[in-house]
Amino acid sequence: IWKYALDGMDHRNLDQDIEFFANHPSTTENVAVYIWNCLRTNIPSPAKLYEITVYETEKNFVRYRGDYI
């Protein structure tokens, strides 16, 4: 996860440094979509990505299970 998604986000201004966020506001929901897109092509077959969960706080989180962007 770190190698394919998080490393590119670490210590970055998402809205300015990552092309995806130029067209999508950097909400927690869109961060989940971005991570999904980074990971789904790097999972070796026959495994499949099922779900991404991004925690903003202990009680506020997003679960994402597929494409919409």
N, C-alpha and C. Protein backbone atom coordinates (compact mmCIF):
# COMPACT_ATOMS: atom_id res chain seq x y z
N ILE A 1 0.84 -1.19 0.00
CA ILE A 1 0.00 0.00 0.00
C ILE A 1 0.88 1.24 0.00
N TRP A 2 1.92 1.20 0.83
CA TRP A 2 2.80 2.37 0.90
C TRP A 2 3.46 2.63 -0.45
N LYS A 3 4.00 1.59 -1.04
CA LYS A 3 4.76 1.73 -2.28
C LYS A 3 3.92 2.27 -3.42
N TYR A 4 2.70 1.78 -3.58
CA TYR A 4 1.89 2.12 -4.74
C TYR A 4 0.97 3.32 -4.54
N ALA A 5 0.69 3.70 -3.32
CA ALA A 5 -0.26 4.80 -3.12
C ALA A 5 0.24 5.85 -2.13
N LEU A 6 0.57 5.44 -0.93
CA LEU A 6 0.83 6.40 0.13
C LEU A 6 2.14 7.15 -0.01
N ASP A 7 3.15 6.50 -0.54
CA ASP A 7 4.44 7.17 -0.69
C ASP A 7 4.33 8.43 -1.55
N GLY A 8 3.54 8.37 -2.59
CA GLY A 8 3.35 9.52 -3.46
C GLY A 8 2.53 10.64 -2.84
N MET A 9 1.83 10.35 -1.75
CA MET A 9 1.00 11.34 -1.07
C MET A 9 1.70 11.94 0.15
N ASP A 10 2.69 11.24 0.66
CA ASP A 10 3.36 11.64 1.89
C ASP A 10 4.06 12.99 1.74
N HIS A 11 3.78 13.89 2.65
CA HIS A 11 4.37 15.23 2.69
C HIS A 11 4.12 16.02 1.40
N ARG A 12 2.95 15.84 0.83
CA ARG A 12 2.59 16.54 -0.40
C ARG A 12 1.35 17.40 -0.17
N ASN A 13 1.21 18.45 -0.94
CA ASN A 13 -0.04 19.19 -1.01
C ASN A 13 -0.87 18.50 -2.07
N LEU A 14 -1.88 17.75 -1.67
CA LEU A 14 -2.63 16.92 -2.60
C LEU A 14 -3.20 17.74 -3.76
N ASP A 15 -3.76 18.89 -3.46
CA ASP A 15 -4.40 19.69 -4.50
C ASP A 15 -3.41 20.26 -5.52
N GLN A 16 -2.20 20.47 -5.12
CA GLN A 16 -1.21 21.07 -6.03
C GLN A 16 -0.24 20.05 -6.62
N ASP A 17 0.06 18.99 -5.90
CA ASP A 17 1.13 18.08 -6.31
C ASP A 17 0.67 16.80 -7.00
N ILE A 18 -0.61 16.46 -6.90
CA ILE A 18 -1.10 15.20 -7.47
C ILE A 18 -2.17 15.53 -8.50
N GLU A 19 -1.93 15.11 -9.72
CA GLU A 19 -2.80 15.45 -10.85
C GLU A 19 -4.26 15.08 -10.62
N PHE A 20 -4.53 13.93 -10.03
CA PHE A 20 -5.91 13.48 -9.78
C PHE A 20 -6.71 14.53 -9.04
N PHE A 21 -6.09 15.21 -8.07
CA PHE A 21 -6.80 16.17 -7.23
C PHE A 21 -6.95 17.54 -7.89
N ALA A 22 -6.40 17.72 -9.06
CA ALA A 22 -6.65 18.96 -9.80
C ALA A 22 -8.10 19.00 -10.28
N ASN A 23 -8.68 17.81 -10.51
CA ASN A 23 -10.06 17.72 -11.00
C ASN A 23 -11.04 17.21 -9.95
N HIS A 24 -10.55 16.82 -8.80
CA HIS A 24 -11.39 16.28 -7.74
C HIS A 24 -10.92 16.88 -6.42
N PRO A 25 -11.82 17.48 -5.65
CA PRO A 25 -11.38 18.07 -4.37
C PRO A 25 -10.80 16.99 -3.46
N SER A 26 -9.85 17.35 -2.63
CA SER A 26 -9.16 16.37 -1.79
C SER A 26 -9.94 16.04 -0.53
N THR A 27 -11.16 15.55 -0.72
CA THR A 27 -11.97 15.08 0.39
C THR A 27 -11.52 13.67 0.77
N THR A 28 -11.94 13.22 1.92
CA THR A 28 -11.61 11.87 2.34
C THR A 28 -12.16 10.85 1.35
N GLU A 29 -13.35 11.11 0.82
CA GLU A 29 -13.95 10.22 -0.17
C GLU A 29 -13.07 10.11 -1.41
N ASN A 30 -12.57 11.22 -1.89
CA ASN A 30 -11.72 11.20 -3.09
C ASN A 30 -10.33 10.65 -2.80
N VAL A 31 -9.85 10.80 -1.59
CA VAL A 31 -8.58 10.16 -1.22
C VAL A 31 -8.74 8.64 -1.29
N ALA A 32 -9.87 8.12 -0.84
CA ALA A 32 -10.14 6.69 -0.93
C ALA A 32 -10.16 6.23 -2.39
N VAL A 33 -10.80 7.00 -3.26
CA VAL A 33 -10.85 6.67 -4.69
C VAL A 33 -9.45 6.68 -5.28
N TYR A 34 -8.66 7.68 -4.94
CA TYR A 34 -7.30 7.78 -5.45
C TYR A 34 -6.47 6.56 -5.04
N ILE A 35 -6.55 6.18 -3.76
CA ILE A 35 -5.80 5.01 -3.29
C ILE A 35 -6.28 3.75 -4.00
N TRP A 36 -7.60 3.61 -4.16
CA TRP A 36 -8.16 2.47 -4.89
C TRP A 36 -7.55 2.38 -6.29
N ASN A 37 -7.55 3.50 -7.00
CA ASN A 37 -7.02 3.52 -8.37
C ASN A 37 -5.53 3.18 -8.42
N CYS A 38 -4.78 3.62 -7.42
CA CYS A 38 -3.35 3.30 -7.38
C CYS A 38 -3.11 1.82 -7.11
N LEU A 39 -3.94 1.21 -6.28
CA LEU A 39 -3.71 -0.18 -5.87
C LEU A 39 -4.28 -1.22 -6.82
N ARG A 40 -5.41 -0.95 -7.42
CA ARG A 40 -6.13 -2.00 -8.16
C ARG A 40 -5.32 -2.60 -9.30
N THR A 41 -4.47 -1.83 -9.93
CA THR A 41 -3.69 -2.36 -11.05
C THR A 41 -2.41 -3.06 -10.59
N ASN A 42 -2.11 -2.97 -9.32
CA ASN A 42 -0.87 -3.57 -8.80
C ASN A 42 -1.10 -4.81 -7.95
N ILE A 43 -2.30 -5.31 -7.92
CA ILE A 43 -2.59 -6.52 -7.17
C ILE A 43 -2.49 -7.70 -8.13
N PRO A 44 -1.63 -8.66 -7.82
CA PRO A 44 -1.45 -9.79 -8.74
C PRO A 44 -2.69 -10.69 -8.80
N SER A 45 -2.99 -11.16 -9.99
CA SER A 45 -4.12 -12.05 -10.21
C SER A 45 -3.82 -13.40 -9.55
N PRO A 46 -4.75 -14.08 -9.01
CA PRO A 46 -6.20 -13.92 -9.08
C PRO A 46 -6.77 -13.05 -7.97
N ALA A 47 -5.94 -12.49 -7.11
CA ALA A 47 -6.44 -11.63 -6.03
C ALA A 47 -7.10 -10.39 -6.61
N LYS A 48 -8.09 -9.88 -5.90
CA LYS A 48 -8.78 -8.67 -6.32
C LYS A 48 -8.94 -7.73 -5.13
N LEU A 49 -8.87 -6.45 -5.42
CA LEU A 49 -9.08 -5.45 -4.38
C LEU A 49 -10.56 -5.40 -4.05
N TYR A 50 -10.89 -5.51 -2.78
CA TYR A 50 -12.29 -5.53 -2.37
C TYR A 50 -12.74 -4.20 -1.80
N GLU A 51 -11.91 -3.59 -0.93
CA GLU A 51 -12.38 -2.42 -0.20
C GLU A 51 -11.20 -1.58 0.26
N ILE A 52 -11.42 -0.28 0.27
CA ILE A 52 -10.47 0.68 0.84
C ILE A 52 -11.18 1.38 1.99
N THR A 53 -10.52 1.50 3.13
CA THR A 53 -11.06 2.27 4.25
C THR A 53 -10.04 3.33 4.62
N VAL A 54 -10.48 4.58 4.65
CA VAL A 54 -9.62 5.70 5.02
C VAL A 54 -10.22 6.35 6.27
N TYR A 55 -9.45 6.39 7.33
CA TYR A 55 -9.90 6.99 8.58
C TYR A 55 -9.44 8.44 8.66
N GLU A 56 -10.40 9.33 8.82
CA GLU A 56 -10.08 10.74 9.06
C GLU A 56 -9.92 10.95 10.57
N THR A 57 -10.83 10.40 11.33
CA THR A 57 -10.75 10.34 12.79
C THR A 57 -11.23 8.95 13.20
N GLU A 58 -11.24 8.68 14.49
CA GLU A 58 -11.70 7.38 14.96
C GLU A 58 -13.15 7.10 14.58
N LYS A 59 -13.96 8.16 14.55
CA LYS A 59 -15.39 7.99 14.25
C LYS A 59 -15.79 8.44 12.85
N ASN A 60 -14.88 9.02 12.12
CA ASN A 60 -15.19 9.51 10.78
C ASN A 60 -14.28 8.82 9.78
N PHE A 61 -14.88 7.96 8.95
CA PHE A 61 -14.10 7.22 7.98
C PHE A 61 -14.92 6.98 6.72
N VAL A 62 -14.23 6.58 5.66
CA VAL A 62 -14.86 6.30 4.38
C VAL A 62 -14.46 4.90 3.95
N ARG A 63 -15.45 4.13 3.48
CA ARG A 63 -15.19 2.83 2.86
C ARG A 63 -15.56 2.94 1.39
N TYR A 64 -14.69 2.43 0.55
CA TYR A 64 -14.91 2.50 -0.89
C TYR A 64 -14.73 1.12 -1.49
N ARG A 65 -15.69 0.71 -2.33
CA ARG A 65 -15.67 -0.64 -2.90
C ARG A 65 -15.79 -0.66 -4.41
N GLY A 66 -15.38 0.35 -5.09
CA GLY A 66 -15.44 0.27 -6.54
C GLY A 66 -15.32 1.61 -7.22
N ASP A 67 -15.38 1.57 -8.52
CA ASP A 67 -15.14 2.76 -9.33
C ASP A 67 -16.38 3.63 -9.47
N TYR A 68 -16.16 4.93 -9.40
CA TYR A 68 -17.16 5.88 -9.84
C TYR A 68 -16.54 7.03 -10.58
N ILE A 69 -15.21 7.17 -10.49
CA ILE A 69 -14.53 8.24 -11.23
C ILE A 69 -13.67 7.60 -12.30
